[in-house]
Amino acid sequence: DTIHRADGQFIPATCRVIYAPMLTGKLRLFAPAYLCEIECPKVVLVLTADLHSNIGDQAFPQCIFDHWEIINKDPFDDSTEIRQIINDIRKPKGLKGDIPSLNDHYDKL
C-alpha cells in the first residue's frame, strides 16, 4: 500500500541507483571549448594573454561556447591534474576530499 512507500524510501534508493553506474563506469570530465572571434581594422594581430592591453580598443574579441571536449584522464587516479581540480572543487563545498566509493552507495540489507 502507498502509505509505506514514502519519499524517505524512494529518494535514497534512487540516489544509489544513479551513483553506482557513475562510480563503476569509465568516468571522464568535460571542459567547455570556446570559439574566439576577433574583429579588428588592421591585418596584423598578436594573440597573447594581454591582447586587449596591447591593442586597446582597436580589436573586439568575442568568445562563444562551441562544444564540450572530453578530458581523457582518469579522475580516480590521485596523480592526475584532473584529480587535483576535483579536490579543489569539492573542498569549498564542504565535501569529503575523496570521491565516494561504491561501498558508500551499496545497499546494505
PDB file of N, CA and C in Angstrom:
ATOM      1  N   ASP A   1       0.830  -1.174   0.000  1.00  0.00           N
ATOM      2  CA  ASP A   1       0.000   0.000   0.000  1.00  0.00           C
ATOM      3  C   ASP A   1       0.884   1.251   0.000  1.00  0.00           C
ATOM      4  N   THR A   2       0.337   2.356  -0.439  1.00  0.00           N
ATOM      5  CA  THR A   2       1.120   3.572  -0.672  1.00  0.00           C
ATOM      6  C   THR A   2       1.597   4.246   0.595  1.00  0.00           C
ATOM      7  N   ILE A   3       0.966   4.020   1.708  1.00  0.00           N
ATOM      8  CA  ILE A   3       1.383   4.660   2.951  1.00  0.00           C
ATOM      9  C   ILE A   3       2.787   4.230   3.360  1.00  0.00           C
ATOM     10  N   HIS A   4       3.208   3.048   2.961  1.00  0.00           N
ATOM     11  CA  HIS A   4       4.521   2.533   3.336  1.00  0.00           C
ATOM     12  C   HIS A   4       5.610   2.878   2.323  1.00  0.00           C
ATOM     13  N   ARG A   5       5.235   3.510   1.212  1.00  0.00           N
ATOM     14  CA  ARG A   5       6.217   3.874   0.187  1.00  0.00           C
ATOM     15  C   ARG A   5       6.348   5.398   0.140  1.00  0.00           C
ATOM     16  N   ALA A   6       7.025   5.955   1.083  1.00  0.00           N
ATOM     17  CA  ALA A   6       7.170   7.402   1.167  1.00  0.00           C
ATOM     18  C   ALA A   6       8.456   7.851   0.469  1.00  0.00           C
ATOM     19  N   ASP A   7       8.644   9.163   0.382  1.00  0.00           N
ATOM     20  CA  ASP A   7       9.848   9.726  -0.236  1.00  0.00           C
ATOM     21  C   ASP A   7      11.116   9.258   0.469  1.00  0.00           C
ATOM     22  N   GLY A   8      11.034   9.008   1.747  1.00  0.00           N
ATOM     23  CA  GLY A   8      12.193   8.555   2.502  1.00  0.00           C
ATOM     24  C   GLY A   8      12.725   7.214   2.031  1.00  0.00           C
ATOM     25  N   GLN A   9      11.921   6.458   1.316  1.00  0.00           N
ATOM     26  CA  GLN A   9      12.365   5.183   0.762  1.00  0.00           C
ATOM     27  C   GLN A   9      12.818   5.337  -0.686  1.00  0.00           C
ATOM     28  N   PHE A  10      12.096   6.117  -1.460  1.00  0.00           N
ATOM     29  CA  PHE A  10      12.395   6.236  -2.888  1.00  0.00           C
ATOM     30  C   PHE A  10      13.638   7.063  -3.192  1.00  0.00           C
ATOM     31  N   ILE A  11      13.792   8.180  -2.520  1.00  0.00           N
ATOM     32  CA  ILE A  11      14.893   9.086  -2.848  1.00  0.00           C
ATOM     33  C   ILE A  11      16.256   8.464  -2.554  1.00  0.00           C
ATOM     34  N   PRO A  12      16.510   7.886  -1.378  1.00  0.00           N
ATOM     35  CA  PRO A  12      17.818   7.253  -1.163  1.00  0.00           C
ATOM     36  C   PRO A  12      18.078   6.096  -2.125  1.00  0.00           C
ATOM     37  N   ALA A  13      17.057   5.318  -2.424  1.00  0.00           N
ATOM     38  CA  ALA A  13      17.243   4.204  -3.355  1.00  0.00           C
ATOM     39  C   ALA A  13      17.558   4.722  -4.756  1.00  0.00           C
ATOM     40  N   THR A  14      16.894   5.771  -5.173  1.00  0.00           N
ATOM     41  CA  THR A  14      17.147   6.361  -6.491  1.00  0.00           C
ATOM     42  C   THR A  14      18.557   6.929  -6.556  1.00  0.00           C
ATOM     43  N   CYS A  15      19.004   7.574  -5.503  1.00  0.00           N
ATOM     44  CA  CYS A  15      20.374   8.105  -5.476  1.00  0.00           C
ATOM     45  C   CYS A  15      21.399   6.989  -5.633  1.00  0.00           C
ATOM     46  N   ARG A  16      21.194   5.885  -4.934  1.00  0.00           N
ATOM     47  CA  ARG A  16      22.128   4.757  -5.054  1.00  0.00           C
ATOM     48  C   ARG A  16      22.125   4.186  -6.458  1.00  0.00           C
ATOM     49  N   VAL A  17      20.950   4.124  -7.082  1.00  0.00           N
ATOM     50  CA  VAL A  17      20.845   3.599  -8.441  1.00  0.00           C
ATOM     51  C   VAL A  17      21.564   4.517  -9.427  1.00  0.00           C
ATOM     52  N   ILE A  18      21.545   5.810  -9.185  1.00  0.00           N
ATOM     53  CA  ILE A  18      22.214   6.761 -10.086  1.00  0.00           C
ATOM     54  C   ILE A  18      23.722   6.792  -9.838  1.00  0.00           C
ATOM     55  N   TYR A  19      24.148   6.794  -8.584  1.00  0.00           N
ATOM     56  CA  TYR A  19      25.576   6.903  -8.263  1.00  0.00           C
ATOM     57  C   TYR A  19      26.375   5.659  -8.641  1.00  0.00           C
ATOM     58  N   ALA A  20      25.796   4.481  -8.460  1.00  0.00           N
ATOM     59  CA  ALA A  20      26.540   3.241  -8.693  1.00  0.00           C
ATOM     60  C   ALA A  20      27.083   3.130 -10.121  1.00  0.00           C
ATOM     61  N   PRO A  21      26.292   3.352 -11.166  1.00  0.00           N
ATOM     62  CA  PRO A  21      26.870   3.273 -12.515  1.00  0.00           C
ATOM     63  C   PRO A  21      27.929   4.339 -12.777  1.00  0.00           C
ATOM     64  N   MET A  22      27.757   5.510 -12.164  1.00  0.00           N
ATOM     65  CA  MET A  22      28.762   6.560 -12.365  1.00  0.00           C
ATOM     66  C   MET A  22      30.093   6.158 -11.743  1.00  0.00           C
ATOM     67  N   LEU A  23      30.044   5.490 -10.600  1.00  0.00           N
ATOM     68  CA  LEU A  23      31.278   5.108  -9.921  1.00  0.00           C
ATOM     69  C   LEU A  23      31.926   3.865 -10.525  1.00  0.00           C
ATOM     70  N   THR A  24      31.145   3.028 -11.184  1.00  0.00           N
ATOM     71  CA  THR A  24      31.709   1.824 -11.779  1.00  0.00           C
ATOM     72  C   THR A  24      32.059   2.002 -13.245  1.00  0.00           C
ATOM     73  N   GLY A  25      31.549   3.029 -13.880  1.00  0.00           N
ATOM     74  CA  GLY A  25      31.826   3.267 -15.295  1.00  0.00           C
ATOM     75  C   GLY A  25      33.156   3.965 -15.499  1.00  0.00           C
ATOM     76  N   LYS A  26      33.471   4.214 -16.746  1.00  0.00           N
ATOM     77  CA  LYS A  26      34.711   4.910 -17.095  1.00  0.00           C
ATOM     78  C   LYS A  26      34.417   6.414 -17.105  1.00  0.00           C
ATOM     79  N   LEU A  27      34.617   7.047 -15.962  1.00  0.00           N
ATOM     80  CA  LEU A  27      34.287   8.460 -15.819  1.00  0.00           C
ATOM     81  C   LEU A  27      35.290   9.348 -16.541  1.00  0.00           C
ATOM     82  N   ARG A  28      34.803  10.384 -17.156  1.00  0.00           N
ATOM     83  CA  ARG A  28      35.637  11.412 -17.772  1.00  0.00           C
ATOM     84  C   ARG A  28      34.957  12.754 -17.555  1.00  0.00           C
ATOM     85  N   LEU A  29      35.747  13.777 -17.407  1.00  0.00           N
ATOM     86  CA  LEU A  29      35.215  15.123 -17.260  1.00  0.00           C
ATOM     87  C   LEU A  29      35.160  15.795 -18.625  1.00  0.00           C
ATOM     88  N   PHE A  30      34.300  16.786 -18.728  1.00  0.00           N
ATOM     89  CA  PHE A  30      34.168  17.562 -19.947  1.00  0.00           C
ATOM     90  C   PHE A  30      34.570  19.000 -19.652  1.00  0.00           C
ATOM     91  N   ALA A  31      35.260  19.613 -20.604  1.00  0.00           N
ATOM     92  CA  ALA A  31      35.658  21.016 -20.470  1.00  0.00           C
ATOM     93  C   ALA A  31      35.019  21.809 -21.610  1.00  0.00           C
ATOM     94  N   PRO A  32      34.556  23.009 -21.322  1.00  0.00           N
ATOM     95  CA  PRO A  32      33.966  23.806 -22.395  1.00  0.00           C
ATOM     96  C   PRO A  32      35.038  24.306 -23.364  1.00  0.00           C
ATOM     97  N   ALA A  33      34.718  24.279 -24.639  1.00  0.00           N
ATOM     98  CA  ALA A  33      35.612  24.813 -25.666  1.00  0.00           C
ATOM     99  C   ALA A  33      34.908  26.014 -26.291  1.00  0.00           C
ATOM    100  N   TYR A  34      35.630  27.102 -26.396  1.00  0.00           N
ATOM    101  CA  TYR A  34      35.053  28.345 -26.900  1.00  0.00           C
ATOM    102  C   TYR A  34      35.615  28.683 -28.262  1.00  0.00           C
ATOM    103  N   LEU A  35      34.790  29.292 -29.073  1.00  0.00           N
ATOM    104  CA  LEU A  35      35.207  29.818 -30.355  1.00  0.00           C
ATOM    105  C   LEU A  35      35.443  31.304 -30.145  1.00  0.00           C
ATOM    106  N   CYS A  36      36.650  31.746 -30.437  1.00  0.00           N
ATOM    107  CA  CYS A  36      37.006  33.147 -30.204  1.00  0.00           C
ATOM    108  C   CYS A  36      37.107  33.862 -31.545  1.00  0.00           C
ATOM    109  N   GLU A  37      36.292  34.873 -31.720  1.00  0.00           N
ATOM    110  CA  GLU A  37      36.332  35.692 -32.921  1.00  0.00           C
ATOM    111  C   GLU A  37      36.871  37.065 -32.546  1.00  0.00           C
ATOM    112  N   ILE A  38      37.822  37.538 -33.326  1.00  0.00           N
ATOM    113  CA  ILE A  38      38.416  38.839 -33.062  1.00  0.00           C
ATOM    114  C   ILE A  38      38.255  39.690 -34.303  1.00  0.00           C
ATOM    115  N   GLU A  39      37.560  40.790 -34.144  1.00  0.00           N
ATOM    116  CA  GLU A  39      37.377  41.719 -35.248  1.00  0.00           C
ATOM    117  C   GLU A  39      38.278  42.925 -35.017  1.00  0.00           C
ATOM    118  N   CYS A  40      39.067  43.248 -36.035  1.00  0.00           N
ATOM    119  CA  CYS A  40      39.940  44.413 -35.902  1.00  0.00           C
ATOM    120  C   CYS A  40      40.122  45.058 -37.278  1.00  0.00           C
ATOM    121  N   PRO A  41      40.355  46.359 -37.284  1.00  0.00           N
ATOM    122  CA  PRO A  41      40.522  47.055 -38.560  1.00  0.00           C
ATOM    123  C   PRO A  41      41.879  46.791 -39.216  1.00  0.00           C
ATOM    124  N   LYS A  42      42.865  46.342 -38.454  1.00  0.00           N
ATOM    125  CA  LYS A  42      44.196  46.106 -39.005  1.00  0.00           C
ATOM    126  C   LYS A  42      44.394  44.624 -39.288  1.00  0.00           C
ATOM    127  N   VAL A  43      45.290  44.309 -40.203  1.00  0.00           N
ATOM    128  CA  VAL A  43      45.554  42.918 -40.558  1.00  0.00           C
ATOM    129  C   VAL A  43      46.460  42.252 -39.540  1.00  0.00           C
ATOM    130  N   VAL A  44      47.398  42.974 -38.966  1.00  0.00           N
ATOM    131  CA  VAL A  44      48.342  42.409 -38.022  1.00  0.00           C
ATOM    132  C   VAL A  44      47.626  42.153 -36.699  1.00  0.00           C
ATOM    133  N   LEU A  45      47.807  40.959 -36.170  1.00  0.00           N
ATOM    134  CA  LEU A  45      47.120  40.573 -34.956  1.00  0.00           C
ATOM    135  C   LEU A  45      48.072  39.777 -34.077  1.00  0.00           C
ATOM    136  N   VAL A  46      48.169  40.147 -32.811  1.00  0.00           N
ATOM    137  CA  VAL A  46      49.032  39.441 -31.863  1.00  0.00           C
ATOM    138  C   VAL A  46      48.125  38.707 -30.883  1.00  0.00           C
ATOM    139  N   LEU A  47      48.247  37.383 -30.822  1.00  0.00           N
ATOM    140  CA  LEU A  47      47.425  36.587 -29.912  1.00  0.00           C
ATOM    141  C   LEU A  47      48.227  36.254 -28.673  1.00  0.00           C
ATOM    142  N   THR A  48      48.089  37.067 -27.654  1.00  0.00           N
ATOM    143  CA  THR A  48      48.749  36.846 -26.372  1.00  0.00           C
ATOM    144  C   THR A  48      47.718  36.973 -25.266  1.00  0.00           C
ATOM    145  N   ALA A  49      48.155  36.680 -24.054  1.00  0.00           N
ATOM    146  CA  ALA A  49      47.241  36.758 -22.912  1.00  0.00           C
ATOM    147  C   ALA A  49      46.786  38.188 -22.653  1.00  0.00           C
ATOM    148  N   ASP A  50      47.639  39.140 -22.991  1.00  0.00           N
ATOM    149  CA  ASP A  50      47.264  40.549 -22.773  1.00  0.00           C
ATOM    150  C   ASP A  50      46.899  41.206 -24.101  1.00  0.00           C
ATOM    151  N   LEU A  51      46.056  40.529 -24.868  1.00  0.00           N
ATOM    152  CA  LEU A  51      45.626  41.035 -26.176  1.00  0.00           C
ATOM    153  C   LEU A  51      44.984  42.410 -26.052  1.00  0.00           C
ATOM    154  N   HIS A  52      44.094  42.552 -25.132  1.00  0.00           N
ATOM    155  CA  HIS A  52      43.369  43.813 -25.007  1.00  0.00           C
ATOM    156  C   HIS A  52      44.280  44.968 -24.612  1.00  0.00           C
ATOM    157  N   SER A  53      45.252  44.712 -23.740  1.00  0.00           N
ATOM    158  CA  SER A  53      46.140  45.800 -23.319  1.00  0.00           C
ATOM    159  C   SER A  53      47.100  46.209 -24.430  1.00  0.00           C
ATOM    160  N   ASN A  54      47.427  45.288 -25.348  1.00  0.00           N
ATOM    161  CA  ASN A  54      48.332  45.618 -26.442  1.00  0.00           C
ATOM    162  C   ASN A  54      47.662  46.411 -27.554  1.00  0.00           C
ATOM    163  N   ILE A  55      46.402  46.138 -27.808  1.00  0.00           N
ATOM    164  CA  ILE A  55      45.761  46.800 -28.945  1.00  0.00           C
ATOM    165  C   ILE A  55      44.643  47.741 -28.545  1.00  0.00           C
ATOM    166  N   GLY A  56      44.404  47.861 -27.259  1.00  0.00           N
ATOM    167  CA  GLY A  56      43.414  48.809 -26.778  1.00  0.00           C
ATOM    168  C   GLY A  56      42.034  48.525 -27.329  1.00  0.00           C
ATOM    169  N   ASP A  57      41.372  49.558 -27.810  1.00  0.00           N
ATOM    170  CA  ASP A  57      40.013  49.423 -28.332  1.00  0.00           C
ATOM    171  C   ASP A  57      39.989  49.233 -29.843  1.00  0.00           C
ATOM    172  N   GLN A  58      41.081  48.779 -30.417  1.00  0.00           N
ATOM    173  CA  GLN A  58      41.132  48.610 -31.861  1.00  0.00           C
ATOM    174  C   GLN A  58      40.608  47.239 -32.290  1.00  0.00           C
ATOM    175  N   ALA A  59      40.542  46.280 -31.383  1.00  0.00           N
ATOM    176  CA  ALA A  59      40.033  44.959 -31.708  1.00  0.00           C
ATOM    177  C   ALA A  59      38.953  44.589 -30.703  1.00  0.00           C
ATOM    178  N   PHE A  60      38.049  43.754 -31.141  1.00  0.00           N
ATOM    179  CA  PHE A  60      36.917  43.379 -30.307  1.00  0.00           C
ATOM    180  C   PHE A  60      36.802  41.856 -30.245  1.00  0.00           C
ATOM    181  N   PRO A  61      37.411  41.235 -29.207  1.00  0.00           N
ATOM    182  CA  PRO A  61      37.304  39.776 -29.093  1.00  0.00           C
ATOM    183  C   PRO A  61      35.940  39.366 -28.540  1.00  0.00           C
ATOM    184  N   GLN A  62      35.441  38.252 -29.032  1.00  0.00           N
ATOM    185  CA  GLN A  62      34.183  37.710 -28.545  1.00  0.00           C
ATOM    186  C   GLN A  62      34.320  36.200 -28.476  1.00  0.00           C
ATOM    187  N   CYS A  63      34.096  35.639 -27.284  1.00  0.00           N
ATOM    188  CA  CYS A  63      34.177  34.195 -27.107  1.00  0.00           C
ATOM    189  C   CYS A  63      32.762  33.619 -27.011  1.00  0.00           C
ATOM    190  N   ILE A  64      32.512  32.588 -27.804  1.00  0.00           N
ATOM    191  CA  ILE A  64      31.208  31.941 -27.854  1.00  0.00           C
ATOM    192  C   ILE A  64      31.411  30.456 -27.569  1.00  0.00           C
ATOM    193  N   PHE A  65      30.549  29.916 -26.725  1.00  0.00           N
ATOM    194  CA  PHE A  65      30.638  28.482 -26.447  1.00  0.00           C
ATOM    195  C   PHE A  65      30.457  27.718 -27.747  1.00  0.00           C
ATOM    196  N   ASP A  66      31.358  26.731 -27.978  1.00  0.00           N
ATOM    197  CA  ASP A  66      31.309  25.962 -29.216  1.00  0.00           C
ATOM    198  C   ASP A  66      30.901  24.515 -28.956  1.00  0.00           C
ATOM    199  N   HIS A  67      31.592  23.829 -28.047  1.00  0.00           N
ATOM    200  CA  HIS A  67      31.291  22.432 -27.768  1.00  0.00           C
ATOM    201  C   HIS A  67      31.981  22.002 -26.474  1.00  0.00           C
ATOM    202  N   TRP A  68      31.711  20.782 -26.065  1.00  0.00           N
ATOM    203  CA  TRP A  68      32.366  20.193 -24.901  1.00  0.00           C
ATOM    204  C   TRP A  68      33.468  19.265 -25.381  1.00  0.00           C
ATOM    205  N   GLU A  69      34.643  19.329 -24.736  1.00  0.00           N
ATOM    206  CA  GLU A  69      35.751  18.429 -25.041  1.00  0.00           C
ATOM    207  C   GLU A  69      35.927  17.460 -23.880  1.00  0.00           C
ATOM    208  N   ILE A  70      36.154  16.192 -24.209  1.00  0.00           N
ATOM    209  CA  ILE A  70      36.378  15.186 -23.172  1.00  0.00           C
ATOM    210  C   ILE A  70      37.823  15.289 -22.694  1.00  0.00           C
ATOM    211  N   ILE A  71      38.013  15.364 -21.383  1.00  0.00           N
ATOM    212  CA  ILE A  71      39.349  15.326 -20.808  1.00  0.00           C
ATOM    213  C   ILE A  71      39.642  13.861 -20.535  1.00  0.00           C
ATOM    214  N   ASN A  72      40.499  13.277 -21.334  1.00  0.00           N
ATOM    215  CA  ASN A  72      40.694  11.829 -21.313  1.00  0.00           C
ATOM    216  C   ASN A  72      41.732  11.414 -20.269  1.00  0.00           C
ATOM    217  N   LYS A  73      41.448  11.712 -19.011  1.00  0.00           N
ATOM    218  CA  LYS A  73      42.296  11.316 -17.889  1.00  0.00           C
ATOM    219  C   LYS A  73      41.403  10.741 -16.804  1.00  0.00           C
ATOM    220  N   ASP A  74      41.922   9.798 -16.061  1.00  0.00           N
ATOM    221  CA  ASP A  74      41.147   9.115 -15.027  1.00  0.00           C
ATOM    222  C   ASP A  74      41.003   9.998 -13.790  1.00  0.00           C
ATOM    223  N   PRO A  75      39.775  10.368 -13.416  1.00  0.00           N
ATOM    224  CA  PRO A  75      39.588  11.207 -12.234  1.00  0.00           C
ATOM    225  C   PRO A  75      39.831  10.482 -10.918  1.00  0.00           C
ATOM    226  N   PHE A  76      39.914   9.146 -10.945  1.00  0.00           N
ATOM    227  CA  PHE A  76      40.183   8.387  -9.723  1.00  0.00           C
ATOM    228  C   PHE A  76      41.676   8.247  -9.444  1.00  0.00           C
ATOM    229  N   ASP A  77      42.529   8.569 -10.402  1.00  0.00           N
ATOM    230  CA  ASP A  77      43.984   8.469 -10.240  1.00  0.00           C
ATOM    231  C   ASP A  77      44.489   9.711  -9.513  1.00  0.00           C
ATOM    232  N   ASP A  78      45.054   9.530  -8.315  1.00  0.00           N
ATOM    233  CA  ASP A  78      45.487  10.665  -7.494  1.00  0.00           C
ATOM    234  C   ASP A  78      46.616  11.473  -8.113  1.00  0.00           C
ATOM    235  N   SER A  79      47.333  10.912  -9.073  1.00  0.00           N
ATOM    236  CA  SER A  79      48.489  11.602  -9.639  1.00  0.00           C
ATOM    237  C   SER A  79      48.129  12.515 -10.815  1.00  0.00           C
ATOM    238  N   THR A  80      46.862  12.525 -11.256  1.00  0.00           N
ATOM    239  CA  THR A  80      46.495  13.345 -12.406  1.00  0.00           C
ATOM    240  C   THR A  80      46.094  14.753 -11.995  1.00  0.00           C
ATOM    241  N   GLU A  81      46.214  15.659 -12.924  1.00  0.00           N
ATOM    242  CA  GLU A  81      45.819  17.046 -12.700  1.00  0.00           C
ATOM    243  C   GLU A  81      44.305  17.149 -12.513  1.00  0.00           C
ATOM    244  N   ILE A  82      43.574  16.275 -13.170  1.00  0.00           N
ATOM    245  CA  ILE A  82      42.116  16.272 -13.058  1.00  0.00           C
ATOM    246  C   ILE A  82      41.679  15.985 -11.628  1.00  0.00           C
ATOM    247  N   ARG A  83      42.363  15.080 -10.976  1.00  0.00           N
ATOM    248  CA  ARG A  83      42.023  14.758  -9.587  1.00  0.00           C
ATOM    249  C   ARG A  83      42.231  15.969  -8.690  1.00  0.00           C
ATOM    250  N   GLN A  84      43.293  16.727  -8.933  1.00  0.00           N
ATOM    251  CA  GLN A  84      43.544  17.936  -8.154  1.00  0.00           C
ATOM    252  C   GLN A  84      42.429  18.962  -8.374  1.00  0.00           C
ATOM    253  N   ILE A  85      41.951  19.078  -9.613  1.00  0.00           N
ATOM    254  CA  ILE A  85      40.849  20.002  -9.913  1.00  0.00           C
ATOM    255  C   ILE A  85      39.588  19.562  -9.177  1.00  0.00           C
ATOM    256  N   ILE A  86      39.317  18.264  -9.176  1.00  0.00           N
ATOM    257  CA  ILE A  86      38.140  17.743  -8.469  1.00  0.00           C
ATOM    258  C   ILE A  86      38.246  18.044  -6.973  1.00  0.00           C
ATOM    259  N   ASN A  87      39.407  17.818  -6.395  1.00  0.00           N
ATOM    260  CA  ASN A  87      39.598  18.102  -4.969  1.00  0.00           C
ATOM    261  C   ASN A  87      39.425  19.589  -4.673  1.00  0.00           C
ATOM    262  N   ASP A  88      39.920  20.449  -5.563  1.00  0.00           N
ATOM    263  CA  ASP A  88      39.772  21.897  -5.371  1.00  0.00           C
ATOM    264  C   ASP A  88      38.310  22.332  -5.461  1.00  0.00           C
ATOM    265  N   ILE A  89      37.512  21.638  -6.252  1.00  0.00           N
ATOM    266  CA  ILE A  89      36.079  21.953  -6.362  1.00  0.00           C
ATOM    267  C   ILE A  89      35.332  21.436  -5.137  1.00  0.00           C
ATOM    268  N   ARG A  90      35.691  20.256  -4.656  1.00  0.00           N
ATOM    269  CA  ARG A  90      34.979  19.640  -3.538  1.00  0.00           C
ATOM    270  C   ARG A  90      35.253  20.344  -2.206  1.00  0.00           C
ATOM    271  N   LYS A  91      36.465  20.861  -2.040  1.00  0.00           N
ATOM    272  CA  LYS A  91      36.862  21.448  -0.752  1.00  0.00           C
ATOM    273  C   LYS A  91      35.976  22.624  -0.331  1.00  0.00           C
ATOM    274  N   PRO A  92      35.750  23.664  -1.167  1.00  0.00           N
ATOM    275  CA  PRO A  92      34.899  24.776  -0.722  1.00  0.00           C
ATOM    276  C   PRO A  92      33.443  24.385  -0.497  1.00  0.00           C
ATOM    277  N   LYS A  93      33.013  23.286  -1.125  1.00  0.00           N
ATOM    278  CA  LYS A  93      31.640  22.832  -0.945  1.00  0.00           C
ATOM    279  C   LYS A  93      31.454  22.036   0.341  1.00  0.00           C
ATOM    280  N   GLY A  94      32.565  21.768   1.050  1.00  0.00           N
ATOM    281  CA  GLY A  94      32.488  21.026   2.296  1.00  0.00           C
ATOM    282  C   GLY A  94      32.331  19.526   2.094  1.00  0.00           C
ATOM    283  N   LEU A  95      32.659  19.031   0.901  1.00  0.00           N
ATOM    284  CA  LEU A  95      32.561  17.604   0.627  1.00  0.00           C
ATOM    285  C   LEU A  95      33.847  16.905   1.027  1.00  0.00           C
ATOM    286  N   LYS A  96      33.775  15.577   1.218  1.00  0.00           N
ATOM    287  CA  LYS A  96      34.970  14.814   1.542  1.00  0.00           C
ATOM    288  C   LYS A  96      35.992  14.965   0.422  1.00  0.00           C
ATOM    289  N   GLY A  97      37.265  14.892   0.769  1.00  0.00           N
ATOM    290  CA  GLY A  97      38.314  15.030  -0.228  1.00  0.00           C
ATOM    291  C   GLY A  97      38.331  13.898  -1.225  1.00  0.00           C
ATOM    292  N   ASP A  98      37.971  12.698  -0.762  1.00  0.00           N
ATOM    293  CA  ASP A  98      37.969  11.547  -1.653  1.00  0.00           C
ATOM    294  C   ASP A  98      36.640  11.444  -2.394  1.00  0.00           C
ATOM    295  N   ILE A  99      36.715  10.932  -3.611  1.00  0.00           N
ATOM    296  CA  ILE A  99      35.494  10.620  -4.339  1.00  0.00           C
ATOM    297  C   ILE A  99      34.839   9.443  -3.621  1.00  0.00           C
ATOM    298  N   PRO A 100      33.531   9.507  -3.384  1.00  0.00           N
ATOM    299  CA  PRO A 100      32.885   8.412  -2.646  1.00  0.00           C
ATOM    300  C   PRO A 100      33.122   7.063  -3.325  1.00  0.00           C
ATOM    301  N   SER A 101      33.297   6.050  -2.504  1.00  0.00           N
ATOM    302  CA  SER A 101      33.495   4.714  -3.061  1.00  0.00           C
ATOM    303  C   SER A 101      32.146   4.070  -3.326  1.00  0.00           C
ATOM    304  N   LEU A 102      32.187   2.976  -4.050  1.00  0.00           N
ATOM    305  CA  LEU A 102      30.965   2.253  -4.351  1.00  0.00           C
ATOM    306  C   LEU A 102      30.311   1.707  -3.082  1.00  0.00           C
ATOM    307  N   ASN A 103      31.104   1.383  -2.089  1.00  0.00           N
ATOM    308  CA  ASN A 103      30.568   0.855  -0.820  1.00  0.00           C
ATOM    309  C   ASN A 103      29.704   1.860  -0.088  1.00  0.00           C
ATOM    310  N   ASP A 104      29.933   3.161  -0.327  1.00  0.00           N
ATOM    311  CA  ASP A 104      29.100   4.182   0.306  1.00  0.00           C
ATOM    312  C   ASP A 104      27.661   4.148  -0.218  1.00  0.00           C
ATOM    313  N   HIS A 105      27.470   3.609  -1.420  1.00  0.00           N
ATOM    314  CA  HIS A 105      26.138   3.583  -2.040  1.00  0.00           C
ATOM    315  C   HIS A 105      25.607   2.166  -2.205  1.00  0.00           C
ATOM    316  N   TYR A 106      26.283   1.214  -1.611  1.00  0.00           N
ATOM    317  CA  TYR A 106      25.858  -0.186  -1.706  1.00  0.00           C
ATOM    318  C   TYR A 106      24.718  -0.423  -0.739  1.00  0.00           C
ATOM    319  N   ASP A 107      23.677  -1.072  -1.194  1.00  0.00           N
ATOM    320  CA  ASP A 107      22.509  -1.332  -0.362  1.00  0.00           C
ATOM    321  C   ASP A 107      22.831  -2.426   0.652  1.00  0.00           C
ATOM    322  N   LYS A 108      22.848  -2.069   1.920  1.00  0.00           N
ATOM    323  CA  LYS A 108      23.220  -3.000   2.986  1.00  0.00           C
ATOM    324  C   LYS A 108      21.966  -3.489   3.711  1.00  0.00           C
ATOM    325  N   LEU A 109      21.331  -4.468   3.152  1.00  0.00           N
ATOM    326  CA  LEU A 109      20.125  -5.005   3.800  1.00  0.00           C
ATOM    327  C   LEU A 109      20.452  -6.160   4.679  1.00  0.00           C
TER     328      LEU A 109
END
